[in-house]
Amino acid sequence: MSLEEQLTAIKKKTIATRPPELVSIMLEEAANLVKSGIADKVIKAGEPLPEFTLPDEKGNLVRSANLLAQGPLAINFYRGIW
């Protein structure tokens, strides 16, 4: 199964298991983001990522330049505990 197929399946499951009023809000807000033009400003596949500094899982600031000096870099974002 391709990544796109997996994401579509997750989206369908999420929509099916949430209250309709919540799904409506989620879909409306997603549409608002698209209408805002923000998607046109995101970094596209193959474009270089600008240097950044972000906190790691322990709150320590990590610079991308330092990590890249050690080799290729993969980034994983997670939302943490909400």
C-alpha atoms as a PDB file:
ATOM      1  CA  MET A   1       0.000   0.000   0.000  1.00  0.00           C
ATOM      2  CA  SER A   2       1.425   3.406  -0.972  1.00  0.00           C
ATOM      3  CA  LEU A   3       1.836   6.235   1.520  1.00  0.00           C
ATOM      4  CA  GLU A   4      -0.992   8.140  -0.168  1.00  0.00           C
ATOM      5  CA  GLU A   5      -3.281   5.116   0.177  1.00  0.00           C
ATOM      6  CA  GLN A   6      -2.334   4.726   3.830  1.00  0.00           C
ATOM      7  CA  LEU A   7      -3.026   8.401   4.553  1.00  0.00           C
ATOM      8  CA  THR A   8      -6.380   8.191   2.771  1.00  0.00           C
ATOM      9  CA  ALA A   9      -7.318   5.159   4.875  1.00  0.00           C
ATOM     10  CA  ILE A  10      -6.344   6.980   8.082  1.00  0.00           C
ATOM     11  CA  LYS A  11      -8.388  10.018   7.040  1.00  0.00           C
ATOM     12  CA  LYS A  12     -11.457   7.854   6.295  1.00  0.00           C
ATOM     13  CA  LYS A  13     -11.139   6.062   9.635  1.00  0.00           C
ATOM     14  CA  THR A  14     -10.729   9.344  11.507  1.00  0.00           C
ATOM     15  CA  ILE A  15     -13.792  10.839   9.836  1.00  0.00           C
ATOM     16  CA  ALA A  16     -15.848   7.708  10.527  1.00  0.00           C
ATOM     17  CA  THR A  17     -14.962   7.605  14.227  1.00  0.00           C
ATOM     18  CA  ARG A  18     -15.406  11.300  15.141  1.00  0.00           C
ATOM     19  CA  PRO A  19     -18.618  13.175  15.921  1.00  0.00           C
ATOM     20  CA  PRO A  20     -20.035  14.774  12.749  1.00  0.00           C
ATOM     21  CA  GLU A  21     -19.834  18.292  14.213  1.00  0.00           C
ATOM     22  CA  LEU A  22     -16.112  17.819  14.917  1.00  0.00           C
ATOM     23  CA  VAL A  23     -15.498  16.424  11.422  1.00  0.00           C
ATOM     24  CA  SER A  24     -17.301  19.430   9.953  1.00  0.00           C
ATOM     25  CA  ILE A  25     -15.073  21.839  11.891  1.00  0.00           C
ATOM     26  CA  MET A  26     -11.904  19.929  10.951  1.00  0.00           C
ATOM     27  CA  LEU A  27     -12.772  19.880   7.247  1.00  0.00           C
ATOM     28  CA  GLU A  28     -13.810  23.547   7.263  1.00  0.00           C
ATOM     29  CA  GLU A  29     -10.551  24.598   8.922  1.00  0.00           C
ATOM     30  CA  ALA A  30      -8.512  22.507   6.477  1.00  0.00           C
ATOM     31  CA  ALA A  31     -10.325  24.229   3.604  1.00  0.00           C
ATOM     32  CA  ASN A  32      -9.639  27.623   5.209  1.00  0.00           C
ATOM     33  CA  LEU A  33      -5.924  26.824   5.335  1.00  0.00           C
ATOM     34  CA  VAL A  34      -5.905  25.941   1.644  1.00  0.00           C
ATOM     35  CA  LYS A  35      -7.848  29.123   0.779  1.00  0.00           C
ATOM     36  CA  SER A  36      -5.403  31.223   2.806  1.00  0.00           C
ATOM     37  CA  GLY A  37      -2.617  30.356   0.361  1.00  0.00           C
ATOM     38  CA  ILE A  38      -0.384  28.997   3.107  1.00  0.00           C
ATOM     39  CA  ALA A  39       0.133  25.770   1.139  1.00  0.00           C
ATOM     40  CA  ASP A  40       1.782  27.788  -1.629  1.00  0.00           C
ATOM     41  CA  LYS A  41       4.481  28.888   0.826  1.00  0.00           C
ATOM     42  CA  VAL A  42       5.566  25.466   2.083  1.00  0.00           C
ATOM     43  CA  ILE A  43       8.871  23.907   1.119  1.00  0.00           C
ATOM     44  CA  LYS A  44       8.372  21.530  -1.780  1.00  0.00           C
ATOM     45  CA  ALA A  45       9.988  18.129  -2.230  1.00  0.00           C
ATOM     46  CA  GLY A  46      13.559  18.546  -3.406  1.00  0.00           C
ATOM     47  CA  GLU A  47      13.913  22.133  -2.164  1.00  0.00           C
ATOM     48  CA  PRO A  48      16.640  22.807   0.401  1.00  0.00           C
ATOM     49  CA  LEU A  49      15.476  23.289   3.960  1.00  0.00           C
ATOM     50  CA  PRO A  50      16.590  26.552   5.573  1.00  0.00           C
ATOM     51  CA  GLU A  51      18.741  26.288   8.688  1.00  0.00           C
ATOM     52  CA  PHE A  52      16.742  26.072  11.880  1.00  0.00           C
ATOM     53  CA  THR A  53      17.003  25.616  15.622  1.00  0.00           C
ATOM     54  CA  LEU A  54      14.325  23.571  17.384  1.00  0.00           C
ATOM     55  CA  PRO A  55      13.941  21.967  20.804  1.00  0.00           C
ATOM     56  CA  ASP A  56      14.449  18.233  21.079  1.00  0.00           C
ATOM     57  CA  GLU A  57      12.260  15.933  23.188  1.00  0.00           C
ATOM     58  CA  LYS A  58      14.011  17.170  26.356  1.00  0.00           C
ATOM     59  CA  GLY A  59      13.733  20.869  25.490  1.00  0.00           C
ATOM     60  CA  ASN A  60      17.394  21.278  24.460  1.00  0.00           C
ATOM     61  CA  LEU A  61      17.878  23.491  21.414  1.00  0.00           C
ATOM     62  CA  VAL A  62      19.328  21.647  18.430  1.00  0.00           C
ATOM     63  CA  ARG A  63      20.742  23.381  15.340  1.00  0.00           C
ATOM     64  CA  SER A  64      20.226  21.769  11.960  1.00  0.00           C
ATOM     65  CA  ALA A  65      23.699  22.894  10.844  1.00  0.00           C
ATOM     66  CA  ASN A  66      25.282  20.902  13.682  1.00  0.00           C
ATOM     67  CA  LEU A  67      23.311  17.792  12.780  1.00  0.00           C
ATOM     68  CA  LEU A  68      24.061  18.107   9.052  1.00  0.00           C
ATOM     69  CA  ALA A  69      27.773  18.314   9.846  1.00  0.00           C
ATOM     70  CA  GLN A  70      27.430  14.731  11.126  1.00  0.00           C
ATOM     71  CA  GLY A  71      25.674  13.413   8.001  1.00  0.00           C
ATOM     72  CA  PRO A  72      22.217  13.289   6.365  1.00  0.00           C
ATOM     73  CA  LEU A  73      19.312  14.578   8.416  1.00  0.00           C
ATOM     74  CA  ALA A  74      15.806  13.179   8.861  1.00  0.00           C
ATOM     75  CA  ILE A  75      13.229  15.212  10.761  1.00  0.00           C
ATOM     76  CA  ASN A  76      10.246  13.824  12.659  1.00  0.00           C
ATOM     77  CA  PHE A  77       7.608  16.141  14.095  1.00  0.00           C
ATOM     78  CA  TYR A  78       5.243  14.915  16.743  1.00  0.00           C
ATOM     79  CA  ARG A  79       2.637  16.844  18.643  1.00  0.00           C
ATOM     80  CA  GLY A  80       3.628  15.626  22.104  1.00  0.00           C
ATOM     81  CA  ILE A  81       1.152  15.549  24.964  1.00  0.00           C
ATOM     82  CA  TRP A  82      -1.864  17.796  24.417  1.00  0.00           C
END
